Amino acid sequence: MVLQIELGAIRANWLALSDRSGKARAGAVVKANAYGLGGERVAPALYGAGARDFFVALAGEGQAIRPHLADDARIFVLSGHMEGADLDGLVPVLNSPQQYFRDRSLRPGQPFAIQLDTGMNRLGMEPAQWAAIRDEVLAEGPALIMSHLACADEPDHPANPMQLAAFHAMTEGCNVPRSLAATGGILLGPDYHFDLTRPGVGLYGGLPFAQARQVIRLSLPVIQTRDVAPGEFVGYGAAWVADSPRRIATVAAGYADGLHRAMSGKGANLYAAGTACPIVGRVSMDLITVDVTGLAKVPEALDIICPAQPVDALAELAGTIGYEILTSLGRRYERAYL
């Protein structure tokens, strides 16, 4: 199983989103092991393209990429200062007064950032909490004040201007760099850009950045082929029955590798040089069965993520989103960087 990752496409997508960010400086979100594609390879590639601000979810993720980046790279930890976290060389994004006071008592003089809750009700200080300690925090000189949009991938959603107004109200006069926009927010336009943007899924070829270059190709090796007669079934539950003589290939991957069982019977294909080969039967833990009757010759491997079926198209067939497919691509894949 080979997962091809085009680092040049990731760099090109960052440059495009940096250009879309206008006067704002563009960072890069590399949490979840760079969305499953390998933070130790992706983060240096983005640094080479010009990124200097990186965002991870957990301190351990930051420590994994810290040795691969130059000293001038800042790595922000979105979960903030969790008890026992190793924040050496990292910048915690503090989400509550409790985190703020813990951080200042344990890391006096070290850099930190602040996250504000502008309506998403997930992470960040609420308006009253922020108002109570705002002057003290600003006197300490945070590196960044940020918030996160809940509906940025829906440009007309009323939550977007509501959160924008709340962010303005909570940060007016702070004289600290501000950040509100991830990929979707960048596409909403300059009102949402502020000083620093945080492109994430768009770097990896995902929506809502429809103009992104595709980054990955996932090829699955064919283990075996067989002829199936009319009336014979394939796979668990006898869920698919041949209505004519068919040629079936079994490939080595399944839901243990992030290829969801839910896409069974939903019209997903594998591809041989652009020719669609329908998935038949149920996706199992380690195996997928594919109708290759239309091929003159069955190749050694078939593609499940490729230009003909990008990651978001596959995700839609599985009833999920591209983020989940990307971050679920497991360790059994051989990752080949181009």
C-alpha atoms as a PDB file:
ATOM      1  CA  MET A   1       0.000   0.000   0.000  1.00  0.00           C
ATOM      2  CA  VAL A   2       1.620   3.234  -1.150  1.00  0.00           C
ATOM      3  CA  LEU A   3       0.540   6.721  -0.119  1.00  0.00           C
ATOM      4  CA  GLN A   4       2.252   9.200  -2.439  1.00  0.00           C
ATOM      5  CA  ILE A   5       2.582  12.685  -0.945  1.00  0.00           C
ATOM      6  CA  GLU A   6       3.617  15.565  -3.195  1.00  0.00           C
ATOM      7  CA  LEU A   7       5.432  18.057  -1.000  1.00  0.00           C
ATOM      8  CA  GLY A   8       5.645  20.467  -3.929  1.00  0.00           C
ATOM      9  CA  ALA A   9       1.841  20.580  -4.082  1.00  0.00           C
ATOM     10  CA  ILE A  10       1.658  21.335  -0.346  1.00  0.00           C
ATOM     11  CA  ARG A  11       4.121  24.190  -0.814  1.00  0.00           C
ATOM     12  CA  ALA A  12       2.155  25.490  -3.814  1.00  0.00           C
ATOM     13  CA  ASN A  13      -1.080  25.411  -1.831  1.00  0.00           C
ATOM     14  CA  TRP A  14       0.557  27.322   1.022  1.00  0.00           C
ATOM     15  CA  LEU A  15       1.835  29.962  -1.385  1.00  0.00           C
ATOM     16  CA  ALA A  16      -1.627  30.299  -2.930  1.00  0.00           C
ATOM     17  CA  LEU A  17      -3.312  30.683   0.470  1.00  0.00           C
ATOM     18  CA  SER A  18      -0.586  33.060   1.596  1.00  0.00           C
ATOM     19  CA  ASP A  19      -1.355  35.169  -1.466  1.00  0.00           C
ATOM     20  CA  ARG A  20      -5.084  34.996  -0.639  1.00  0.00           C
ATOM     21  CA  SER A  21      -4.223  36.248   2.873  1.00  0.00           C
ATOM     22  CA  GLY A  22      -3.287  39.653   1.473  1.00  0.00           C
ATOM     23  CA  LYS A  23      -1.342  41.736   3.971  1.00  0.00           C
ATOM     24  CA  ALA A  24      -1.659  39.092   6.678  1.00  0.00           C
ATOM     25  CA  ARG A  25       1.197  36.712   7.392  1.00  0.00           C
ATOM     26  CA  ALA A  26       0.285  33.082   6.691  1.00  0.00           C
ATOM     27  CA  GLY A  27       1.103  30.325   9.163  1.00  0.00           C
ATOM     28  CA  ALA A  28       0.493  26.601   8.716  1.00  0.00           C
ATOM     29  CA  VAL A  29      -1.614  24.114  10.660  1.00  0.00           C
ATOM     30  CA  VAL A  30       0.287  20.832  10.980  1.00  0.00           C
ATOM     31  CA  LYS A  31      -1.665  19.177  13.794  1.00  0.00           C
ATOM     32  CA  ALA A  32      -2.540  15.469  13.716  1.00  0.00           C
ATOM     33  CA  ASN A  33       0.834  14.674  12.144  1.00  0.00           C
ATOM     34  CA  ALA A  34       0.201  17.213   9.363  1.00  0.00           C
ATOM     35  CA  TYR A  35      -3.299  15.833   8.760  1.00  0.00           C
ATOM     36  CA  GLY A  36      -1.900  12.308   8.615  1.00  0.00           C
ATOM     37  CA  LEU A  37       0.755  13.053   5.986  1.00  0.00           C
ATOM     38  CA  GLY A  38       3.835  13.259   8.222  1.00  0.00           C
ATOM     39  CA  GLY A  39       4.658  16.369  10.222  1.00  0.00           C
ATOM     40  CA  GLU A  40       8.393  15.707  10.252  1.00  0.00           C
ATOM     41  CA  ARG A  41       8.459  15.989   6.445  1.00  0.00           C
ATOM     42  CA  VAL A  42       5.618  18.452   5.837  1.00  0.00           C
ATOM     43  CA  ALA A  43       6.608  21.120   8.378  1.00  0.00           C
ATOM     44  CA  PRO A  44      10.150  21.613   6.975  1.00  0.00           C
ATOM     45  CA  ALA A  45       8.721  21.743   3.453  1.00  0.00           C
ATOM     46  CA  LEU A  46       6.360  24.520   4.538  1.00  0.00           C
ATOM     47  CA  TYR A  47       9.190  26.322   6.302  1.00  0.00           C
ATOM     48  CA  GLY A  48      11.084  26.198   3.020  1.00  0.00           C
ATOM     49  CA  ALA A  49       8.102  27.824   1.301  1.00  0.00           C
ATOM     50  CA  GLY A  50       8.135  30.680   3.822  1.00  0.00           C
ATOM     51  CA  ALA A  51       5.950  29.616   6.754  1.00  0.00           C
ATOM     52  CA  ARG A  52       7.281  30.626  10.168  1.00  0.00           C
ATOM     53  CA  ASP A  53       4.233  30.068  12.385  1.00  0.00           C
ATOM     54  CA  PHE A  54       3.020  26.504  12.909  1.00  0.00           C
ATOM     55  CA  PHE A  55      -0.026  25.261  14.810  1.00  0.00           C
ATOM     56  CA  VAL A  56      -0.390  21.867  16.498  1.00  0.00           C
ATOM     57  CA  ALA A  57      -3.059  20.482  18.814  1.00  0.00           C
ATOM     58  CA  LEU A  58      -0.861  18.949  21.517  1.00  0.00           C
ATOM     59  CA  ALA A  59       2.537  19.685  23.017  1.00  0.00           C
ATOM     60  CA  GLY A  60       3.807  16.252  21.954  1.00  0.00           C
ATOM     61  CA  GLU A  61       3.065  17.107  18.327  1.00  0.00           C
ATOM     62  CA  GLY A  62       5.059  20.298  18.699  1.00  0.00           C
ATOM     63  CA  GLN A  63       8.031  18.490  20.215  1.00  0.00           C
ATOM     64  CA  ALA A  64       7.971  16.010  17.312  1.00  0.00           C
ATOM     65  CA  ILE A  65       8.524  18.756  14.715  1.00  0.00           C
ATOM     66  CA  ARG A  66      10.626  21.175  16.788  1.00  0.00           C
ATOM     67  CA  PRO A  67      13.970  19.509  15.845  1.00  0.00           C
ATOM     68  CA  HIS A  68      13.077  19.761  12.159  1.00  0.00           C
ATOM     69  CA  LEU A  69      12.531  23.532  12.146  1.00  0.00           C
ATOM     70  CA  ALA A  70      14.893  26.467  12.549  1.00  0.00           C
ATOM     71  CA  ASP A  71      14.921  28.528  15.724  1.00  0.00           C
ATOM     72  CA  ASP A  72      12.897  31.342  14.175  1.00  0.00           C
ATOM     73  CA  ALA A  73       9.879  29.046  13.657  1.00  0.00           C
ATOM     74  CA  ARG A  74       7.150  29.472  16.256  1.00  0.00           C
ATOM     75  CA  ILE A  75       5.071  26.420  17.158  1.00  0.00           C
ATOM     76  CA  PHE A  76       1.731  27.256  18.783  1.00  0.00           C
ATOM     77  CA  VAL A  77       0.009  24.573  20.876  1.00  0.00           C
ATOM     78  CA  LEU A  78      -3.758  24.960  20.540  1.00  0.00           C
ATOM     79  CA  SER A  79      -4.615  22.930  23.661  1.00  0.00           C
ATOM     80  CA  GLY A  80      -2.686  25.480  25.700  1.00  0.00           C
ATOM     81  CA  HIS A  81      -0.825  24.718  28.897  1.00  0.00           C
ATOM     82  CA  MET A  82      -2.040  21.301  30.006  1.00  0.00           C
ATOM     83  CA  GLU A  83      -0.750  19.991  33.311  1.00  0.00           C
ATOM     84  CA  GLY A  84       2.557  18.192  32.823  1.00  0.00           C
ATOM     85  CA  ALA A  85       3.001  19.299  29.204  1.00  0.00           C
ATOM     86  CA  ASP A  86       6.524  19.807  27.884  1.00  0.00           C
ATOM     87  CA  LEU A  87       6.348  23.286  26.380  1.00  0.00           C
ATOM     88  CA  ASP A  88      10.078  23.851  25.936  1.00  0.00           C
ATOM     89  CA  GLY A  89      10.501  25.727  22.667  1.00  0.00           C
ATOM     90  CA  LEU A  90       6.729  25.959  22.112  1.00  0.00           C
ATOM     91  CA  VAL A  91       4.091  28.684  22.475  1.00  0.00           C
ATOM     92  CA  PRO A  92       0.943  27.571  24.331  1.00  0.00           C
ATOM     93  CA  VAL A  93      -2.343  29.111  23.253  1.00  0.00           C
ATOM     94  CA  LEU A  94      -3.989  29.685  26.626  1.00  0.00           C
ATOM     95  CA  ASN A  95      -7.713  28.958  26.632  1.00  0.00           C
ATOM     96  CA  SER A  96      -8.887  29.869  30.133  1.00  0.00           C
ATOM     97  CA  PRO A  97      -7.904  32.009  33.118  1.00  0.00           C
ATOM     98  CA  GLN A  98      -6.792  28.804  34.858  1.00  0.00           C
ATOM     99  CA  GLN A  99      -4.379  28.014  32.021  1.00  0.00           C
ATOM    100  CA  TYR A 100      -3.142  31.583  32.006  1.00  0.00           C
ATOM    101  CA  PHE A 101      -2.295  31.644  35.705  1.00  0.00           C
ATOM    102  CA  ARG A 102      -0.716  28.172  35.540  1.00  0.00           C
ATOM    103  CA  ASP A 103       1.425  29.210  32.596  1.00  0.00           C
ATOM    104  CA  ARG A 104       2.583  32.468  34.109  1.00  0.00           C
ATOM    105  CA  SER A 105       3.502  30.794  37.413  1.00  0.00           C
ATOM    106  CA  LEU A 106       5.462  27.981  35.729  1.00  0.00           C
ATOM    107  CA  ARG A 107       6.842  29.812  32.656  1.00  0.00           C
ATOM    108  CA  PRO A 108       7.359  33.452  33.653  1.00  0.00           C
ATOM    109  CA  GLY A 109       8.727  35.503  30.808  1.00  0.00           C
ATOM    110  CA  GLN A 110       8.190  32.746  28.223  1.00  0.00           C
ATOM    111  CA  PRO A 111       6.056  33.400  25.108  1.00  0.00           C
ATOM    112  CA  PHE A 112       2.353  32.584  25.101  1.00  0.00           C
ATOM    113  CA  ALA A 113      -0.782  33.291  23.075  1.00  0.00           C
ATOM    114  CA  ILE A 114      -4.447  33.691  23.985  1.00  0.00           C
ATOM    115  CA  GLN A 115      -7.553  32.113  22.486  1.00  0.00           C
ATOM    116  CA  LEU A 116     -10.916  33.854  22.835  1.00  0.00           C
ATOM    117  CA  ASP A 117     -14.339  32.239  22.465  1.00  0.00           C
ATOM    118  CA  THR A 118     -16.316  34.347  19.991  1.00  0.00           C
ATOM    119  CA  GLY A 119     -19.328  32.025  19.919  1.00  0.00           C
ATOM    120  CA  MET A 120     -18.155  28.534  18.985  1.00  0.00           C
ATOM    121  CA  ASN A 121     -18.295  27.376  22.635  1.00  0.00           C
ATOM    122  CA  ARG A 122     -15.408  24.986  22.265  1.00  0.00           C
ATOM    123  CA  LEU A 123     -12.111  26.562  23.368  1.00  0.00           C
ATOM    124  CA  GLY A 124     -11.124  30.017  24.542  1.00  0.00           C
ATOM    125  CA  MET A 125     -11.943  32.622  27.162  1.00  0.00           C
ATOM    126  CA  GLU A 126     -15.503  33.872  27.212  1.00  0.00           C
ATOM    127  CA  PRO A 127     -16.074  37.643  27.134  1.00  0.00           C
ATOM    128  CA  ALA A 128     -16.522  38.039  30.888  1.00  0.00           C
ATOM    129  CA  GLN A 129     -13.475  35.911  31.680  1.00  0.00           C
ATOM    130  CA  TRP A 130     -11.383  37.878  29.210  1.00  0.00           C
ATOM    131  CA  ALA A 131     -12.575  41.237  30.485  1.00  0.00           C
ATOM    132  CA  ALA A 132     -11.602  40.314  34.041  1.00  0.00           C
ATOM    133  CA  ILE A 133      -7.947  39.645  33.212  1.00  0.00           C
ATOM    134  CA  ARG A 134      -7.452  41.473  29.920  1.00  0.00           C
ATOM    135  CA  ASP A 135      -5.297  44.297  31.280  1.00  0.00           C
ATOM    136  CA  GLU A 136      -3.052  41.882  33.178  1.00  0.00           C
ATOM    137  CA  VAL A 137      -2.644  39.641  30.120  1.00  0.00           C
ATOM    138  CA  LEU A 138      -1.853  42.535  27.813  1.00  0.00           C
ATOM    139  CA  ALA A 139       0.769  43.803  30.251  1.00  0.00           C
ATOM    140  CA  GLU A 140       2.507  40.411  29.896  1.00  0.00           C
ATOM    141  CA  GLY A 141       2.673  40.865  26.098  1.00  0.00           C
ATOM    142  CA  PRO A 142       1.073  37.841  24.400  1.00  0.00           C
ATOM    143  CA  ALA A 143       2.534  36.822  21.046  1.00  0.00           C
ATOM    144  CA  LEU A 144      -0.928  36.418  19.495  1.00  0.00           C
ATOM    145  CA  ILE A 145      -4.644  36.671  20.249  1.00  0.00           C
ATOM    146  CA  MET A 146      -6.777  34.289  18.213  1.00  0.00           C
ATOM    147  CA  SER A 147     -10.230  32.811  17.829  1.00  0.00           C
ATOM    148  CA  HIS A 148     -11.780  30.210  15.527  1.00  0.00           C
ATOM    149  CA  LEU A 149     -14.732  30.373  13.136  1.00  0.00           C
ATOM    150  CA  ALA A 150     -17.401  27.672  13.380  1.00  0.00           C
ATOM    151  CA  CYS A 151     -18.939  28.031   9.906  1.00  0.00           C
ATOM    152  CA  ALA A 152     -16.221  29.476   7.677  1.00  0.00           C
ATOM    153  CA  ASP A 153     -16.843  26.823   5.007  1.00  0.00           C
ATOM    154  CA  GLU A 154     -20.364  28.261   4.594  1.00  0.00           C
ATOM    155  CA  PRO A 155     -19.719  31.819   3.375  1.00  0.00           C
ATOM    156  CA  ASP A 156     -23.301  33.017   3.857  1.00  0.00           C
ATOM    157  CA  HIS A 157     -23.745  31.596   7.353  1.00  0.00           C
ATOM    158  CA  PRO A 158     -24.792  34.317   9.841  1.00  0.00           C
ATOM    159  CA  ALA A 159     -22.364  32.963  12.430  1.00  0.00           C
ATOM    160  CA  ASN A 160     -19.430  34.352  10.430  1.00  0.00           C
ATOM    161  CA  PRO A 161     -20.204  38.084  10.759  1.00  0.00           C
ATOM    162  CA  MET A 162     -21.425  37.483  14.324  1.00  0.00           C
ATOM    163  CA  GLN A 163     -18.077  35.975  15.336  1.00  0.00           C
ATOM    164  CA  LEU A 164     -16.181  38.651  13.433  1.00  0.00           C
ATOM    165  CA  ALA A 165     -18.005  41.376  15.357  1.00  0.00           C
ATOM    166  CA  ALA A 166     -17.376  39.585  18.654  1.00  0.00           C
ATOM    167  CA  PHE A 167     -13.663  39.270  17.885  1.00  0.00           C
ATOM    168  CA  HIS A 168     -13.435  42.960  17.082  1.00  0.00           C
ATOM    169  CA  ALA A 169     -15.250  43.853  20.299  1.00  0.00           C
ATOM    170  CA  MET A 170     -12.996  41.659  22.453  1.00  0.00           C
ATOM    171  CA  THR A 171      -9.691  42.735  20.878  1.00  0.00           C
ATOM    172  CA  GLU A 172     -10.160  46.380  19.934  1.00  0.00           C
ATOM    173  CA  GLY A 173      -7.228  48.420  21.194  1.00  0.00           C
ATOM    174  CA  CYS A 174      -5.157  45.388  22.228  1.00  0.00           C
ATOM    175  CA  ASN A 175      -2.156  46.285  20.043  1.00  0.00           C
ATOM    176  CA  VAL A 176      -1.316  42.559  19.772  1.00  0.00           C
ATOM    177  CA  PRO A 177      -1.194  40.515  16.532  1.00  0.00           C
ATOM    178  CA  ARG A 178      -4.579  38.870  15.911  1.00  0.00           C
ATOM    179  CA  SER A 179      -5.700  35.753  14.056  1.00  0.00           C
ATOM    180  CA  LEU A 180      -9.207  34.563  13.177  1.00  0.00           C
ATOM    181  CA  ALA A 181      -9.048  32.805   9.796  1.00  0.00           C
ATOM    182  CA  ALA A 182      -8.118  29.232   8.952  1.00  0.00           C
ATOM    183  CA  THR A 183      -8.541  27.991   5.356  1.00  0.00           C
ATOM    184  CA  GLY A 184     -12.237  28.833   5.134  1.00  0.00           C
ATOM    185  CA  GLY A 185     -11.758  32.184   6.833  1.00  0.00           C
ATOM    186  CA  ILE A 186      -9.034  33.137   4.359  1.00  0.00           C
ATOM    187  CA  LEU A 187     -11.520  32.550   1.542  1.00  0.00           C
ATOM    188  CA  LEU A 188     -14.117  34.764   3.263  1.00  0.00           C
ATOM    189  CA  GLY A 189     -11.996  37.785   2.430  1.00  0.00           C
ATOM    190  CA  PRO A 190      -9.788  40.451   3.985  1.00  0.00           C
ATOM    191  CA  ASP A 191     -12.203  41.418   6.779  1.00  0.00           C
ATOM    192  CA  TYR A 192     -11.343  38.089   8.401  1.00  0.00           C
ATOM    193  CA  HIS A 193      -7.560  38.087   7.841  1.00  0.00           C
ATOM    194  CA  PHE A 194      -6.245  40.396  10.584  1.00  0.00           C
ATOM    195  CA  ASP A 195      -2.484  39.905  11.136  1.00  0.00           C
ATOM    196  CA  LEU A 196      -1.958  36.138  10.833  1.00  0.00           C
ATOM    197  CA  THR A 197      -3.911  33.432   9.003  1.00  0.00           C
ATOM    198  CA  ARG A 198      -3.813  29.718   9.750  1.00  0.00           C
ATOM    199  CA  PRO A 199      -4.231  27.678   6.543  1.00  0.00           C
ATOM    200  CA  GLY A 200      -4.888  24.023   7.343  1.00  0.00           C
ATOM    201  CA  VAL A 201      -6.880  21.544   5.262  1.00  0.00           C
ATOM    202  CA  GLY A 202      -6.383  23.606   2.111  1.00  0.00           C
ATOM    203  CA  LEU A 203      -2.657  22.890   2.297  1.00  0.00           C
ATOM    204  CA  TYR A 204      -3.416  19.201   1.875  1.00  0.00           C
ATOM    205  CA  GLY A 205      -5.736  19.520  -1.111  1.00  0.00           C
ATOM    206  CA  GLY A 206      -9.006  19.636   0.817  1.00  0.00           C
ATOM    207  CA  LEU A 207     -12.177  21.705   0.618  1.00  0.00           C
ATOM    208  CA  PRO A 208     -13.210  24.468   0.967  1.00  0.00           C
ATOM    209  CA  PHE A 209     -10.128  25.455  -1.064  1.00  0.00           C
ATOM    210  CA  ALA A 210     -11.481  24.143  -4.362  1.00  0.00           C
ATOM    211  CA  GLN A 211      -8.472  25.507  -6.301  1.00  0.00           C
ATOM    212  CA  ALA A 212      -5.978  23.500  -4.284  1.00  0.00           C
ATOM    213  CA  ARG A 213      -3.527  21.233  -6.039  1.00  0.00           C
ATOM    214  CA  GLN A 214      -4.127  17.584  -5.203  1.00  0.00           C
ATOM    215  CA  VAL A 215      -1.486  16.348  -2.775  1.00  0.00           C
ATOM    216  CA  ILE A 216      -1.955  12.602  -2.395  1.00  0.00           C
ATOM    217  CA  ARG A 217      -2.417   9.463  -4.443  1.00  0.00           C
ATOM    218  CA  LEU A 218      -3.297   6.260  -2.602  1.00  0.00           C
ATOM    219  CA  SER A 219      -2.554   3.009  -4.426  1.00  0.00           C
ATOM    220  CA  LEU A 220      -3.694  -0.382  -3.125  1.00  0.00           C
ATOM    221  CA  PRO A 221      -2.010  -3.615  -4.227  1.00  0.00           C
ATOM    222  CA  VAL A 222      -4.087  -6.345  -5.844  1.00  0.00           C
ATOM    223  CA  ILE A 223      -3.721  -9.597  -3.882  1.00  0.00           C
ATOM    224  CA  GLN A 224      -5.873 -11.885  -6.009  1.00  0.00           C
ATOM    225  CA  THR A 225      -8.388 -11.931  -8.853  1.00  0.00           C
ATOM    226  CA  ARG A 226     -11.174 -14.439  -9.464  1.00  0.00           C
ATOM    227  CA  ASP A 227     -14.111 -15.062 -11.779  1.00  0.00           C
ATOM    228  CA  VAL A 228     -17.569 -14.891 -10.205  1.00  0.00           C
ATOM    229  CA  ALA A 229     -20.565 -16.522 -11.853  1.00  0.00           C
ATOM    230  CA  PRO A 230     -24.095 -15.043 -11.971  1.00  0.00           C
ATOM    231  CA  GLY A 231     -25.848 -15.604  -8.634  1.00  0.00           C
ATOM    232  CA  GLU A 232     -22.621 -15.843  -6.604  1.00  0.00           C
ATOM    233  CA  PHE A 233     -22.017 -13.299  -3.862  1.00  0.00           C
ATOM    234  CA  VAL A 234     -18.926 -11.385  -2.716  1.00  0.00           C
ATOM    235  CA  GLY A 235     -17.909 -10.478   0.814  1.00  0.00           C
ATOM    236  CA  TYR A 236     -19.518 -10.294   4.240  1.00  0.00           C
ATOM    237  CA  GLY A 237     -23.282 -10.539   4.515  1.00  0.00           C
ATOM    238  CA  ALA A 238     -23.584 -11.651   0.872  1.00  0.00           C
ATOM    239  CA  ALA A 239     -24.427  -7.987   0.311  1.00  0.00           C
ATOM    240  CA  TRP A 240     -23.495  -7.986  -3.392  1.00  0.00           C
ATOM    241  CA  VAL A 241     -24.573 -10.674  -5.866  1.00  0.00           C
ATOM    242  CA  ALA A 242     -23.280 -10.896  -9.442  1.00  0.00           C
ATOM    243  CA  ASP A 243     -25.978 -10.507 -12.121  1.00  0.00           C
ATOM    244  CA  SER A 244     -23.588 -11.593 -14.905  1.00  0.00           C
ATOM    245  CA  PRO A 245     -20.128 -13.142 -15.150  1.00  0.00           C
ATOM    246  CA  ARG A 246     -17.718 -10.769 -13.412  1.00  0.00           C
ATOM    247  CA  ARG A 247     -14.003 -10.535 -12.696  1.00  0.00           C
ATOM    248  CA  ILE A 248     -13.295  -9.494  -9.093  1.00  0.00           C
ATOM    249  CA  ALA A 249     -10.016  -8.217  -7.646  1.00  0.00           C
ATOM    250  CA  THR A 250      -9.271  -8.181  -3.927  1.00  0.00           C
ATOM    251  CA  VAL A 251      -6.978  -5.367  -2.760  1.00  0.00           C
ATOM    252  CA  ALA A 252      -5.017  -5.008   0.471  1.00  0.00           C
ATOM    253  CA  ALA A 253      -6.655  -2.251   2.524  1.00  0.00           C
ATOM    254  CA  GLY A 254      -9.805  -1.689   4.524  1.00  0.00           C
ATOM    255  CA  TYR A 255     -11.370   0.221   7.368  1.00  0.00           C
ATOM    256  CA  ALA A 256      -8.308  -0.458   9.559  1.00  0.00           C
ATOM    257  CA  ASP A 257      -6.496   1.801   7.102  1.00  0.00           C
ATOM    258  CA  GLY A 258      -8.993   4.674   7.207  1.00  0.00           C
ATOM    259  CA  LEU A 259     -11.113   3.501   4.250  1.00  0.00           C
ATOM    260  CA  HIS A 260     -14.513   3.558   5.843  1.00  0.00           C
ATOM    261  CA  ARG A 261     -16.907   0.624   5.832  1.00  0.00           C
ATOM    262  CA  ALA A 262     -19.683   3.181   5.307  1.00  0.00           C
ATOM    263  CA  MET A 263     -18.680   3.676   1.664  1.00  0.00           C
ATOM    264  CA  SER A 264     -19.730   0.102   0.854  1.00  0.00           C
ATOM    265  CA  GLY A 265     -22.435   0.130  -1.811  1.00  0.00           C
ATOM    266  CA  LYS A 266     -22.281   3.926  -2.218  1.00  0.00           C
ATOM    267  CA  GLY A 267     -20.704   4.131  -5.663  1.00  0.00           C
ATOM    268  CA  ALA A 268     -17.055   4.428  -4.690  1.00  0.00           C
ATOM    269  CA  ASN A 269     -14.499   3.245  -7.230  1.00  0.00           C
ATOM    270  CA  LEU A 270     -10.899   2.286  -7.527  1.00  0.00           C
ATOM    271  CA  TYR A 271      -9.106   3.388 -10.681  1.00  0.00           C
ATOM    272  CA  ALA A 272      -6.730   1.824 -13.162  1.00  0.00           C
ATOM    273  CA  ALA A 273      -5.123   4.630 -15.193  1.00  0.00           C
ATOM    274  CA  GLY A 274      -8.370   6.602 -15.009  1.00  0.00           C
ATOM    275  CA  THR A 275     -10.722   3.667 -15.655  1.00  0.00           C
ATOM    276  CA  ALA A 276     -13.300   3.272 -12.876  1.00  0.00           C
ATOM    277  CA  CYS A 277     -13.568  -0.110 -11.165  1.00  0.00           C
ATOM    278  CA  PRO A 278     -16.559  -0.192  -8.761  1.00  0.00           C
ATOM    279  CA  ILE A 279     -16.179  -1.399  -5.184  1.00  0.00           C
ATOM    280  CA  VAL A 280     -18.475  -4.394  -4.701  1.00  0.00           C
ATOM    281  CA  GLY A 281     -19.457  -6.040  -1.443  1.00  0.00           C
ATOM    282  CA  ARG A 282     -18.627  -4.634   1.955  1.00  0.00           C
ATOM    283  CA  VAL A 283     -15.357  -2.951   2.825  1.00  0.00           C
ATOM    284  CA  SER A 284     -13.803  -5.148   5.504  1.00  0.00           C
ATOM    285  CA  MET A 285     -10.990  -4.556   7.994  1.00  0.00           C
ATOM    286  CA  ASP A 286      -8.109  -5.344   5.646  1.00  0.00           C
ATOM    287  CA  LEU A 287      -9.658  -6.017   2.231  1.00  0.00           C
ATOM    288  CA  ILE A 288     -11.737  -4.361  -0.488  1.00  0.00           C
ATOM    289  CA  THR A 289     -13.261  -6.202  -3.453  1.00  0.00           C
ATOM    290  CA  VAL A 290     -13.448  -4.480  -6.818  1.00  0.00           C
ATOM    291  CA  ASP A 291     -15.150  -5.264 -10.128  1.00  0.00           C
ATOM    292  CA  VAL A 292     -12.358  -5.230 -12.729  1.00  0.00           C
ATOM    293  CA  THR A 293     -14.348  -6.902 -15.504  1.00  0.00           C
ATOM    294  CA  GLY A 294     -13.864  -3.915 -17.798  1.00  0.00           C
ATOM    295  CA  LEU A 295     -10.059  -4.044 -17.680  1.00  0.00           C
ATOM    296  CA  ALA A 296      -8.121  -5.799 -20.419  1.00  0.00           C
ATOM    297  CA  LYS A 297      -5.341  -6.370 -17.875  1.00  0.00           C
ATOM    298  CA  VAL A 298      -5.536  -6.017 -14.098  1.00  0.00           C
ATOM    299  CA  PRO A 299      -2.595  -3.907 -12.845  1.00  0.00           C
ATOM    300  CA  GLU A 300      -0.551  -4.676  -9.761  1.00  0.00           C
ATOM    301  CA  ALA A 301      -2.239  -1.820  -7.875  1.00  0.00           C
ATOM    302  CA  LEU A 302      -5.415   0.266  -8.115  1.00  0.00           C
ATOM    303  CA  ASP A 303      -5.863   3.872  -6.956  1.00  0.00           C
ATOM    304  CA  ILE A 304      -8.584   4.859  -4.480  1.00  0.00           C
ATOM    305  CA  ILE A 305      -7.526   8.503  -3.988  1.00  0.00           C
ATOM    306  CA  CYS A 306      -6.364  10.136  -7.221  1.00  0.00           C
ATOM    307  CA  PRO A 307      -7.354  12.984  -9.569  1.00  0.00           C
ATOM    308  CA  ALA A 308     -10.425  11.027 -10.680  1.00  0.00           C
ATOM    309  CA  GLN A 309     -11.584  10.594  -7.053  1.00  0.00           C
ATOM    310  CA  PRO A 310     -10.090  13.250  -4.744  1.00  0.00           C
ATOM    311  CA  VAL A 311     -10.177  12.848  -0.992  1.00  0.00           C
ATOM    312  CA  ASP A 312     -13.340  14.936  -0.536  1.00  0.00           C
ATOM    313  CA  ALA A 313     -15.201  12.952  -3.193  1.00  0.00           C
ATOM    314  CA  LEU A 314     -14.320   9.731  -1.390  1.00  0.00           C
ATOM    315  CA  ALA A 315     -15.307  11.281   1.930  1.00  0.00           C
ATOM    316  CA  GLU A 316     -18.724  12.281   0.599  1.00  0.00           C
ATOM    317  CA  LEU A 317     -19.369   8.682  -0.481  1.00  0.00           C
ATOM    318  CA  ALA A 318     -18.443   7.560   3.036  1.00  0.00           C
ATOM    319  CA  GLY A 319     -20.748  10.145   4.618  1.00  0.00           C
ATOM    320  CA  THR A 320     -17.911  12.107   6.208  1.00  0.00           C
ATOM    321  CA  ILE A 321     -15.442  14.921   5.424  1.00  0.00           C
ATOM    322  CA  GLY A 322     -12.023  15.004   3.829  1.00  0.00           C
ATOM    323  CA  TYR A 323     -10.390  15.882   7.161  1.00  0.00           C
ATOM    324  CA  GLU A 324     -11.453  12.536   8.618  1.00  0.00           C
ATOM    325  CA  ILE A 325     -10.230  10.514   5.654  1.00  0.00           C
ATOM    326  CA  LEU A 326      -6.847  12.277   5.662  1.00  0.00           C
ATOM    327  CA  THR A 327      -6.234  11.946   9.381  1.00  0.00           C
ATOM    328  CA  SER A 328      -7.337   8.292   9.383  1.00  0.00           C
ATOM    329  CA  LEU A 329      -4.783   7.099   6.835  1.00  0.00           C
ATOM    330  CA  GLY A 330      -2.897   4.670   9.031  1.00  0.00           C
ATOM    331  CA  ARG A 331       0.638   3.508   9.642  1.00  0.00           C
ATOM    332  CA  ARG A 332       0.407   0.489   7.347  1.00  0.00           C
ATOM    333  CA  TYR A 333       0.810   2.696   4.271  1.00  0.00           C
ATOM    334  CA  GLU A 334       4.272   3.155   2.835  1.00  0.00           C
ATOM    335  CA  ARG A 335       4.596   6.910   2.525  1.00  0.00           C
ATOM    336  CA  ALA A 336       6.479   8.047  -0.560  1.00  0.00           C
ATOM    337  CA  TYR A 337       7.362  11.740  -0.698  1.00  0.00           C
ATOM    338  CA  LEU A 338       7.688  13.357  -4.097  1.00  0.00           C
END
